[in-house]
Amino acid sequence: QVQLVESGGGLVQAGGSLRLSCAASRNIFSINAMGWYRQAPGKQRELVARMDSIGSTNYADSVKGRFTISRDNAKNTVYLQMNSLKPEDTAVYYCNAWKVPNTYWGQGTQVTVSS
């Protein structure tokens, strides 16, 4: 079992930055992959960024060059640095952990980008 707690969401103007944090309840070395997803009103949940256990990353095309996923193993925490935010980035952002064969989700944190 893995509990995930997100923080760092909020309201920011277009062009601004936010950093989301996701604290895991266990050593993230033991987790196969962790990532961030988002869901905007009326839309499906989509992958934003993902990092596997050896540090390989992948990003949605819409955030490449603006968002960066990283982790601090000592703190069992994964981060999402979001720069050059756009109104279309507005969504609830969810932390995700995949530890075979299970998937775990955080409660979500709201990010709102005003134009």
N, C-alpha and C. Protein backbone atom coordinates (compact mmCIF):
# COMPACT_ATOMS: atom_id res chain seq x y z
N GLN A 1 0.84 -1.20 0.00
CA GLN A 1 0.00 0.00 0.00
C GLN A 1 0.88 1.25 0.00
N VAL A 2 0.48 2.23 -0.79
CA VAL A 2 1.22 3.49 -0.88
C VAL A 2 0.23 4.64 -0.74
N GLN A 3 0.46 5.48 0.24
CA GLN A 3 -0.34 6.71 0.36
C GLN A 3 0.45 7.86 -0.26
N LEU A 4 -0.26 8.70 -0.97
CA LEU A 4 0.34 9.84 -1.66
C LEU A 4 -0.37 11.11 -1.23
N VAL A 5 0.42 12.12 -0.88
CA VAL A 5 -0.16 13.39 -0.45
C VAL A 5 0.46 14.51 -1.29
N GLU A 6 -0.41 15.18 -2.06
CA GLU A 6 0.07 16.28 -2.91
C GLU A 6 -0.05 17.61 -2.17
N SER A 7 0.77 18.54 -2.59
CA SER A 7 0.68 19.91 -2.10
C SER A 7 1.30 20.83 -3.13
N GLY A 8 1.03 22.13 -2.98
CA GLY A 8 1.67 23.11 -3.84
C GLY A 8 0.79 23.73 -4.90
N GLY A 9 -0.44 23.29 -5.02
CA GLY A 9 -1.32 23.89 -6.00
C GLY A 9 -1.74 25.29 -5.58
N GLY A 10 -2.44 25.97 -6.48
CA GLY A 10 -2.91 27.31 -6.15
C GLY A 10 -3.29 28.08 -7.39
N LEU A 11 -3.43 29.38 -7.20
CA LEU A 11 -3.80 30.30 -8.28
C LEU A 11 -2.57 31.08 -8.69
N VAL A 12 -2.32 31.14 -10.00
CA VAL A 12 -1.16 31.86 -10.50
C VAL A 12 -1.53 32.52 -11.82
N GLN A 13 -0.88 33.61 -12.13
CA GLN A 13 -1.13 34.28 -13.40
C GLN A 13 -0.38 33.56 -14.53
N ALA A 14 -0.89 33.72 -15.73
CA ALA A 14 -0.22 33.14 -16.89
C ALA A 14 1.23 33.63 -16.95
N GLY A 15 2.11 32.70 -17.26
CA GLY A 15 3.53 33.01 -17.28
C GLY A 15 4.24 32.72 -15.98
N GLY A 16 3.47 32.47 -14.94
CA GLY A 16 4.05 32.22 -13.62
C GLY A 16 4.48 30.77 -13.44
N SER A 17 4.90 30.47 -12.22
CA SER A 17 5.42 29.13 -11.90
C SER A 17 4.80 28.61 -10.61
N LEU A 18 4.73 27.30 -10.53
CA LEU A 18 4.34 26.60 -9.32
C LEU A 18 5.16 25.33 -9.22
N ARG A 19 5.35 24.86 -8.00
CA ARG A 19 5.98 23.56 -7.81
C ARG A 19 5.06 22.69 -6.97
N LEU A 20 4.69 21.56 -7.54
CA LEU A 20 3.87 20.59 -6.83
C LEU A 20 4.77 19.56 -6.16
N SER A 21 4.33 19.09 -5.00
CA SER A 21 5.06 18.05 -4.28
C SER A 21 4.12 16.87 -4.04
N CYS A 22 4.70 15.69 -4.04
CA CYS A 22 3.95 14.47 -3.75
C CYS A 22 4.78 13.64 -2.79
N ALA A 23 4.32 13.55 -1.55
CA ALA A 23 5.01 12.78 -0.53
C ALA A 23 4.42 11.38 -0.47
N ALA A 24 5.29 10.39 -0.59
CA ALA A 24 4.86 8.99 -0.54
C ALA A 24 5.08 8.42 0.85
N SER A 25 4.26 7.44 1.19
CA SER A 25 4.31 6.85 2.52
C SER A 25 5.38 5.77 2.66
N ARG A 26 6.04 5.46 1.56
CA ARG A 26 7.10 4.46 1.63
C ARG A 26 8.25 4.86 0.72
N ASN A 27 9.34 4.12 0.84
CA ASN A 27 10.54 4.40 0.07
C ASN A 27 10.24 4.33 -1.43
N ILE A 28 10.49 5.44 -2.13
CA ILE A 28 10.13 5.47 -3.55
C ILE A 28 11.07 4.64 -4.41
N PHE A 29 12.16 4.17 -3.83
CA PHE A 29 13.02 3.21 -4.55
C PHE A 29 12.25 1.95 -4.91
N SER A 30 11.28 1.62 -4.04
CA SER A 30 10.54 0.37 -4.25
C SER A 30 9.37 0.54 -5.21
N ILE A 31 9.16 1.75 -5.70
CA ILE A 31 8.04 2.03 -6.58
C ILE A 31 8.53 2.03 -8.03
N ASN A 32 7.82 1.35 -8.90
CA ASN A 32 8.27 1.17 -10.28
C ASN A 32 8.28 2.48 -11.06
N ALA A 33 7.27 3.31 -10.83
CA ALA A 33 7.21 4.59 -11.52
C ALA A 33 6.29 5.52 -10.75
N MET A 34 6.61 6.81 -10.84
CA MET A 34 5.72 7.83 -10.24
C MET A 34 5.51 8.92 -11.27
N GLY A 35 4.36 9.54 -11.16
CA GLY A 35 4.07 10.56 -12.16
C GLY A 35 2.99 11.52 -11.72
N TRP A 36 2.71 12.43 -12.61
CA TRP A 36 1.67 13.43 -12.41
C TRP A 36 0.69 13.35 -13.57
N TYR A 37 -0.58 13.37 -13.22
CA TYR A 37 -1.66 13.42 -14.19
C TYR A 37 -2.49 14.66 -13.87
N ARG A 38 -3.30 15.06 -14.82
CA ARG A 38 -4.21 16.18 -14.56
C ARG A 38 -5.55 15.93 -15.23
N GLN A 39 -6.56 16.57 -14.65
CA GLN A 39 -7.90 16.46 -15.20
C GLN A 39 -8.57 17.81 -15.15
N ALA A 40 -8.89 18.32 -16.32
CA ALA A 40 -9.61 19.59 -16.42
C ALA A 40 -11.10 19.29 -16.48
N PRO A 41 -11.93 20.26 -16.13
CA PRO A 41 -13.38 20.04 -16.16
C PRO A 41 -13.86 19.56 -17.53
N GLY A 42 -14.62 18.49 -17.52
CA GLY A 42 -15.17 17.97 -18.77
C GLY A 42 -14.20 17.20 -19.63
N LYS A 43 -13.00 16.98 -19.12
CA LYS A 43 -11.98 16.27 -19.91
C LYS A 43 -11.51 15.03 -19.18
N GLN A 44 -10.89 14.14 -19.92
CA GLN A 44 -10.34 12.93 -19.32
C GLN A 44 -9.04 13.24 -18.61
N ARG A 45 -8.72 12.40 -17.65
CA ARG A 45 -7.44 12.53 -16.96
C ARG A 45 -6.33 12.19 -17.95
N GLU A 46 -5.27 12.99 -17.93
CA GLU A 46 -4.19 12.78 -18.87
C GLU A 46 -2.83 12.80 -18.17
N LEU A 47 -1.89 12.08 -18.75
CA LEU A 47 -0.54 12.06 -18.21
C LEU A 47 0.13 13.40 -18.47
N VAL A 48 0.79 13.92 -17.45
CA VAL A 48 1.58 15.15 -17.59
C VAL A 48 3.07 14.79 -17.65
N ALA A 49 3.54 14.04 -16.66
CA ALA A 49 4.95 13.68 -16.60
C ALA A 49 5.09 12.42 -15.77
N ARG A 50 6.12 11.63 -16.09
CA ARG A 50 6.30 10.35 -15.41
C ARG A 50 7.78 10.07 -15.31
N MET A 51 8.17 9.45 -14.18
CA MET A 51 9.56 9.07 -13.98
C MET A 51 9.58 7.63 -13.46
N ASP A 52 10.42 6.79 -14.08
CA ASP A 52 10.48 5.42 -13.59
C ASP A 52 11.59 5.28 -12.54
N SER A 53 11.78 4.06 -12.08
CA SER A 53 12.68 3.84 -10.94
C SER A 53 14.15 4.10 -11.26
N ILE A 54 14.50 4.12 -12.56
CA ILE A 54 15.90 4.41 -12.91
C ILE A 54 16.06 5.85 -13.38
N GLY A 55 15.01 6.64 -13.27
CA GLY A 55 15.10 8.06 -13.57
C GLY A 55 14.71 8.47 -14.98
N SER A 56 14.29 7.53 -15.79
CA SER A 56 13.83 7.89 -17.13
C SER A 56 12.51 8.64 -17.04
N THR A 57 12.38 9.65 -17.87
CA THR A 57 11.19 10.50 -17.80
C THR A 57 10.48 10.56 -19.15
N ASN A 58 9.20 10.84 -19.09
CA ASN A 58 8.48 11.20 -20.29
C ASN A 58 7.43 12.25 -19.94
N TYR A 59 7.13 13.08 -20.92
CA TYR A 59 6.26 14.23 -20.72
C TYR A 59 5.20 14.30 -21.82
N ALA A 60 4.07 14.86 -21.46
CA ALA A 60 3.09 15.20 -22.48
C ALA A 60 3.68 16.27 -23.39
N ASP A 61 3.34 16.20 -24.66
CA ASP A 61 3.88 17.19 -25.60
C ASP A 61 3.54 18.61 -25.18
N SER A 62 2.38 18.78 -24.60
CA SER A 62 1.91 20.12 -24.24
C SER A 62 2.71 20.78 -23.13
N VAL A 63 3.50 19.99 -22.40
CA VAL A 63 4.25 20.57 -21.27
C VAL A 63 5.77 20.47 -21.46
N LYS A 64 6.21 19.83 -22.52
CA LYS A 64 7.65 19.68 -22.75
C LYS A 64 8.32 21.05 -22.82
N GLY A 65 9.44 21.15 -22.12
CA GLY A 65 10.17 22.41 -22.09
C GLY A 65 9.68 23.39 -21.04
N ARG A 66 8.53 23.11 -20.43
CA ARG A 66 7.98 23.99 -19.40
C ARG A 66 7.92 23.31 -18.03
N PHE A 67 7.63 22.03 -18.02
CA PHE A 67 7.48 21.29 -16.76
C PHE A 67 8.66 20.33 -16.58
N THR A 68 9.03 20.12 -15.32
CA THR A 68 10.10 19.18 -15.02
C THR A 68 9.71 18.33 -13.83
N ILE A 69 9.81 17.02 -13.99
CA ILE A 69 9.57 16.11 -12.88
C ILE A 69 10.90 15.73 -12.26
N SER A 70 10.91 15.65 -10.94
CA SER A 70 12.14 15.27 -10.24
C SER A 70 11.75 14.56 -8.95
N ARG A 71 12.75 14.02 -8.27
CA ARG A 71 12.45 13.33 -7.02
C ARG A 71 13.58 13.52 -6.02
N ASP A 72 13.23 13.40 -4.77
CA ASP A 72 14.17 13.43 -3.67
C ASP A 72 13.97 12.11 -2.92
N ASN A 73 14.86 11.17 -3.14
CA ASN A 73 14.69 9.84 -2.55
C ASN A 73 14.74 9.89 -1.02
N ALA A 74 15.56 10.77 -0.49
CA ALA A 74 15.68 10.86 0.97
C ALA A 74 14.37 11.32 1.63
N LYS A 75 13.60 12.09 0.88
CA LYS A 75 12.33 12.60 1.41
C LYS A 75 11.13 11.82 0.88
N ASN A 76 11.38 10.81 0.06
CA ASN A 76 10.28 10.04 -0.56
C ASN A 76 9.28 10.95 -1.24
N THR A 77 9.80 11.92 -1.95
CA THR A 77 8.96 12.96 -2.54
C THR A 77 9.28 13.13 -4.01
N VAL A 78 8.24 13.31 -4.79
CA VAL A 78 8.36 13.63 -6.21
C VAL A 78 7.81 15.03 -6.44
N TYR A 79 8.46 15.77 -7.32
CA TYR A 79 8.08 17.15 -7.57
C TYR A 79 7.68 17.34 -9.03
N LEU A 80 6.90 18.36 -9.25
CA LEU A 80 6.61 18.81 -10.61
C LEU A 80 6.80 20.32 -10.62
N GLN A 81 7.88 20.75 -11.24
CA GLN A 81 8.14 22.17 -11.41
C GLN A 81 7.44 22.62 -12.68
N MET A 82 6.57 23.59 -12.55
CA MET A 82 5.79 24.07 -13.69
C MET A 82 6.12 25.53 -13.94
N ASN A 83 6.69 25.81 -15.08
CA ASN A 83 7.06 27.16 -15.48
C ASN A 83 6.25 27.59 -16.70
N SER A 84 6.24 28.87 -16.93
CA SER A 84 5.53 29.43 -18.10
C SER A 84 4.11 28.88 -18.18
N LEU A 85 3.41 28.93 -17.08
CA LEU A 85 2.08 28.36 -17.02
C LEU A 85 1.11 29.09 -17.93
N LYS A 86 0.18 28.32 -18.47
CA LYS A 86 -0.83 28.84 -19.39
C LYS A 86 -2.22 28.56 -18.81
N PRO A 87 -3.22 29.33 -19.21
CA PRO A 87 -4.57 29.05 -18.73
C PRO A 87 -5.02 27.62 -19.01
N GLU A 88 -4.55 27.04 -20.09
CA GLU A 88 -4.95 25.67 -20.43
C GLU A 88 -4.30 24.63 -19.53
N ASP A 89 -3.39 25.05 -18.66
CA ASP A 89 -2.83 24.14 -17.66
C ASP A 89 -3.74 24.00 -16.44
N THR A 90 -4.79 24.80 -16.40
CA THR A 90 -5.72 24.74 -15.27
C THR A 90 -6.36 23.35 -15.19
N ALA A 91 -6.25 22.73 -14.01
CA ALA A 91 -6.76 21.38 -13.82
C ALA A 91 -6.51 20.97 -12.37
N VAL A 92 -7.08 19.83 -12.02
CA VAL A 92 -6.69 19.16 -10.78
C VAL A 92 -5.53 18.23 -11.14
N TYR A 93 -4.45 18.35 -10.40
CA TYR A 93 -3.26 17.55 -10.66
C TYR A 93 -3.19 16.43 -9.62
N TYR A 94 -2.98 15.23 -10.13
CA TYR A 94 -2.95 14.04 -9.28
C TYR A 94 -1.58 13.38 -9.35
N CYS A 95 -1.09 13.01 -8.19
CA CYS A 95 0.12 12.21 -8.12
C CYS A 95 -0.26 10.74 -8.30
N ASN A 96 0.59 10.01 -8.97
CA ASN A 96 0.34 8.61 -9.27
C ASN A 96 1.58 7.78 -8.97
N ALA A 97 1.36 6.62 -8.41
CA ALA A 97 2.47 5.68 -8.17
C ALA A 97 2.08 4.31 -8.69
N TRP A 98 3.01 3.70 -9.38
CA TRP A 98 2.77 2.37 -9.92
C TRP A 98 3.77 1.42 -9.31
N LYS A 99 3.24 0.52 -8.47
CA LYS A 99 4.06 -0.53 -7.89
C LYS A 99 3.38 -1.82 -8.25
N VAL A 100 4.01 -2.51 -9.16
CA VAL A 100 3.40 -3.71 -9.75
C VAL A 100 2.82 -4.63 -8.66
N PRO A 101 1.57 -5.05 -8.77
CA PRO A 101 0.65 -4.81 -9.89
C PRO A 101 -0.36 -3.69 -9.64
N ASN A 102 -0.10 -2.83 -8.65
CA ASN A 102 -1.10 -1.85 -8.24
C ASN A 102 -0.74 -0.44 -8.65
N THR A 103 -1.80 0.37 -8.78
CA THR A 103 -1.67 1.79 -9.05
C THR A 103 -2.31 2.57 -7.91
N TYR A 104 -1.66 3.64 -7.49
CA TYR A 104 -2.15 4.44 -6.38
C TYR A 104 -2.27 5.90 -6.81
N TRP A 105 -3.23 6.59 -6.20
CA TRP A 105 -3.48 7.98 -6.53
C TRP A 105 -3.54 8.84 -5.28
N GLY A 106 -3.08 10.08 -5.41
CA GLY A 106 -3.28 11.05 -4.37
C GLY A 106 -4.66 11.67 -4.50
N GLN A 107 -4.94 12.61 -3.60
CA GLN A 107 -6.28 13.20 -3.57
C GLN A 107 -6.43 14.33 -4.58
N GLY A 108 -5.33 14.80 -5.13
CA GLY A 108 -5.37 15.86 -6.12
C GLY A 108 -5.16 17.23 -5.52
N THR A 109 -4.60 18.12 -6.32
CA THR A 109 -4.41 19.51 -5.91
C THR A 109 -4.78 20.40 -7.09
N GLN A 110 -5.53 21.45 -6.79
CA GLN A 110 -6.03 22.32 -7.86
C GLN A 110 -4.97 23.32 -8.29
N VAL A 111 -4.79 23.43 -9.59
CA VAL A 111 -3.94 24.46 -10.18
C VAL A 111 -4.83 25.30 -11.10
N THR A 112 -4.85 26.60 -10.84
CA THR A 112 -5.64 27.51 -11.65
C THR A 112 -4.73 28.60 -12.18
N VAL A 113 -4.73 28.76 -13.50
CA VAL A 113 -3.89 29.75 -14.16
C VAL A 113 -4.80 30.80 -14.79
N SER A 114 -4.67 32.03 -14.33
CA SER A 114 -5.51 33.10 -14.84
C SER A 114 -4.82 33.81 -16.00
N SER A 115 -5.63 34.29 -16.92
CA SER A 115 -5.06 34.96 -18.11
C SER A 115 -4.91 36.45 -17.87
